[in-house]
Amino acid sequence: MAEQIVQYDSYGMEESPFILKWIAKGREEERQTLLLRLLTRRYGSLSSDMMAQVNALTATQMLDLAEALLDFTSYDALAQWLAEQAKGGDGEEV
């Protein structure tokens, strides 16, 4: 439905659905990069499995993880949160 709404850039020109998707993809990649940097800063190098789990998160889950990261007390809490997401859980336990 969002693609059906005509949006205009700062010059008053209509933005195509392709451009809007491209922008959204860029934002998702930036969100993912920032989240991985935060996790690496907190826990050091992540395993390839852990990175794959983070990369598989939806945009909403990435935001939830960024918020939950503030409450994690250990690397195990992060692993548990990611495991809950893979099972479809809410990821609220830390």
C-alpha atoms as a PDB file:
ATOM      1  CA  MET A   1       0.000   0.000   0.000  1.00  0.00           C
ATOM      2  CA  ALA A   2       2.879   2.357   0.762  1.00  0.00           C
ATOM      3  CA  GLU A   3       3.968   2.088  -2.862  1.00  0.00           C
ATOM      4  CA  GLN A   4       0.580   3.406  -3.933  1.00  0.00           C
ATOM      5  CA  ILE A   5       1.094   6.659  -2.072  1.00  0.00           C
ATOM      6  CA  VAL A   6       2.859   9.189  -4.238  1.00  0.00           C
ATOM      7  CA  GLN A   7       5.869  10.670  -2.494  1.00  0.00           C
ATOM      8  CA  TYR A   8       7.891  13.638  -3.627  1.00  0.00           C
ATOM      9  CA  ASP A   9      11.540  14.384  -3.045  1.00  0.00           C
ATOM     10  CA  SER A  10      12.895  17.769  -1.948  1.00  0.00           C
ATOM     11  CA  TYR A  11      12.637  19.058  -5.536  1.00  0.00           C
ATOM     12  CA  GLY A  12       8.947  18.212  -5.829  1.00  0.00           C
ATOM     13  CA  MET A  13       9.563  15.280  -8.153  1.00  0.00           C
ATOM     14  CA  GLU A  14       7.676  12.023  -7.718  1.00  0.00           C
ATOM     15  CA  GLU A  15       9.787   9.171  -6.346  1.00  0.00           C
ATOM     16  CA  SER A  16       9.248   5.828  -7.999  1.00  0.00           C
ATOM     17  CA  PRO A  17       8.494   2.650  -6.035  1.00  0.00           C
ATOM     18  CA  PHE A  18      11.883   1.343  -7.175  1.00  0.00           C
ATOM     19  CA  ILE A  19      13.676   4.320  -5.615  1.00  0.00           C
ATOM     20  CA  LEU A  20      11.666   3.974  -2.400  1.00  0.00           C
ATOM     21  CA  LYS A  21      12.618   0.273  -2.146  1.00  0.00           C
ATOM     22  CA  TRP A  22      16.247   1.127  -2.843  1.00  0.00           C
ATOM     23  CA  ILE A  23      16.222   3.718  -0.043  1.00  0.00           C
ATOM     24  CA  ALA A  24      14.566   1.257   2.341  1.00  0.00           C
ATOM     25  CA  LYS A  25      17.175  -1.394   1.507  1.00  0.00           C
ATOM     26  CA  GLY A  26      19.942   1.100   2.253  1.00  0.00           C
ATOM     27  CA  ARG A  27      18.398   1.927   5.610  1.00  0.00           C
ATOM     28  CA  GLU A  28      18.114  -1.770   6.450  1.00  0.00           C
ATOM     29  CA  GLU A  29      21.783  -2.314   5.605  1.00  0.00           C
ATOM     30  CA  GLU A  30      22.778   0.692   7.742  1.00  0.00           C
ATOM     31  CA  ARG A  31      20.690  -0.618  10.650  1.00  0.00           C
ATOM     32  CA  GLN A  32      22.307  -4.036  10.296  1.00  0.00           C
ATOM     33  CA  THR A  33      25.818  -2.570  10.131  1.00  0.00           C
ATOM     34  CA  LEU A  34      25.252  -0.433  13.220  1.00  0.00           C
ATOM     35  CA  LEU A  35      23.825  -3.358  15.169  1.00  0.00           C
ATOM     36  CA  LEU A  36      26.768  -5.591  14.268  1.00  0.00           C
ATOM     37  CA  ARG A  37      29.189  -2.845  15.295  1.00  0.00           C
ATOM     38  CA  LEU A  38      27.450  -2.480  18.663  1.00  0.00           C
ATOM     39  CA  LEU A  39      27.515  -6.222  19.253  1.00  0.00           C
ATOM     40  CA  THR A  40      31.177  -6.465  18.259  1.00  0.00           C
ATOM     41  CA  ARG A  41      32.049  -3.555  20.533  1.00  0.00           C
ATOM     42  CA  ARG A  42      30.297  -5.212  23.456  1.00  0.00           C
ATOM     43  CA  TYR A  43      31.292  -8.852  22.919  1.00  0.00           C
ATOM     44  CA  GLY A  44      34.267  -8.816  20.560  1.00  0.00           C
ATOM     45  CA  SER A  45      34.316 -10.802  17.335  1.00  0.00           C
ATOM     46  CA  LEU A  46      31.098 -12.703  16.760  1.00  0.00           C
ATOM     47  CA  SER A  47      31.039 -16.244  15.432  1.00  0.00           C
ATOM     48  CA  SER A  48      29.937 -16.686  11.835  1.00  0.00           C
ATOM     49  CA  ASP A  49      26.827 -18.476  13.142  1.00  0.00           C
ATOM     50  CA  MET A  50      25.971 -15.547  15.407  1.00  0.00           C
ATOM     51  CA  MET A  51      26.494 -13.075  12.551  1.00  0.00           C
ATOM     52  CA  ALA A  52      24.244 -15.166  10.315  1.00  0.00           C
ATOM     53  CA  GLN A  53      21.539 -15.119  12.985  1.00  0.00           C
ATOM     54  CA  VAL A  54      21.753 -11.337  13.282  1.00  0.00           C
ATOM     55  CA  ASN A  55      21.718 -10.930   9.500  1.00  0.00           C
ATOM     56  CA  ALA A  56      18.570 -13.062   9.293  1.00  0.00           C
ATOM     57  CA  LEU A  57      16.593 -10.770  11.625  1.00  0.00           C
ATOM     58  CA  THR A  58      13.768  -8.636  10.299  1.00  0.00           C
ATOM     59  CA  ALA A  59      13.991  -4.850  10.576  1.00  0.00           C
ATOM     60  CA  THR A  60      11.707  -4.900  13.625  1.00  0.00           C
ATOM     61  CA  GLN A  61      13.745  -7.642  15.279  1.00  0.00           C
ATOM     62  CA  MET A  62      16.939  -5.648  14.678  1.00  0.00           C
ATOM     63  CA  LEU A  63      15.429  -2.676  16.476  1.00  0.00           C
ATOM     64  CA  ASP A  64      14.260  -4.955  19.287  1.00  0.00           C
ATOM     65  CA  LEU A  65      17.760  -6.419  19.587  1.00  0.00           C
ATOM     66  CA  ALA A  66      19.353  -2.975  19.698  1.00  0.00           C
ATOM     67  CA  GLU A  67      17.064  -2.132  22.606  1.00  0.00           C
ATOM     68  CA  ALA A  68      17.471  -5.495  24.356  1.00  0.00           C
ATOM     69  CA  LEU A  69      21.263  -5.208  24.047  1.00  0.00           C
ATOM     70  CA  LEU A  70      21.158  -2.540  26.732  1.00  0.00           C
ATOM     71  CA  ASP A  71      19.804  -5.117  29.207  1.00  0.00           C
ATOM     72  CA  PHE A  72      22.014  -8.084  28.333  1.00  0.00           C
ATOM     73  CA  THR A  73      24.451  -9.024  31.070  1.00  0.00           C
ATOM     74  CA  SER A  74      26.378 -11.652  29.100  1.00  0.00           C
ATOM     75  CA  TYR A  75      27.120 -13.111  25.697  1.00  0.00           C
ATOM     76  CA  ASP A  76      24.868 -16.004  26.690  1.00  0.00           C
ATOM     77  CA  ALA A  77      21.939 -13.591  27.032  1.00  0.00           C
ATOM     78  CA  LEU A  78      22.518 -12.500  23.433  1.00  0.00           C
ATOM     79  CA  ALA A  79      22.689 -16.119  22.263  1.00  0.00           C
ATOM     80  CA  GLN A  80      19.492 -16.917  24.156  1.00  0.00           C
ATOM     81  CA  TRP A  81      17.690 -13.910  22.657  1.00  0.00           C
ATOM     82  CA  LEU A  82      18.716 -14.915  19.133  1.00  0.00           C
ATOM     83  CA  ALA A  83      17.643 -18.523  19.758  1.00  0.00           C
ATOM     84  CA  GLU A  84      14.227 -17.283  20.926  1.00  0.00           C
ATOM     85  CA  GLN A  85      13.864 -15.213  17.756  1.00  0.00           C
ATOM     86  CA  ALA A  86      14.726 -18.216  15.608  1.00  0.00           C
ATOM     87  CA  LYS A  87      11.988 -20.183  17.390  1.00  0.00           C
ATOM     88  CA  GLY A  88       9.538 -17.318  16.971  1.00  0.00           C
ATOM     89  CA  GLY A  89       9.651 -16.216  20.605  1.00  0.00           C
ATOM     90  CA  ASP A  90       9.350 -12.699  21.899  1.00  0.00           C
ATOM     91  CA  GLY A  91      12.972 -12.446  23.033  1.00  0.00           C
ATOM     92  CA  GLU A  92      12.033 -10.628  26.245  1.00  0.00           C
ATOM     93  CA  GLU A  93      14.098 -12.804  28.594  1.00  0.00           C
ATOM     94  CA  VAL A  94      17.660 -11.710  29.254  1.00  0.00           C
END
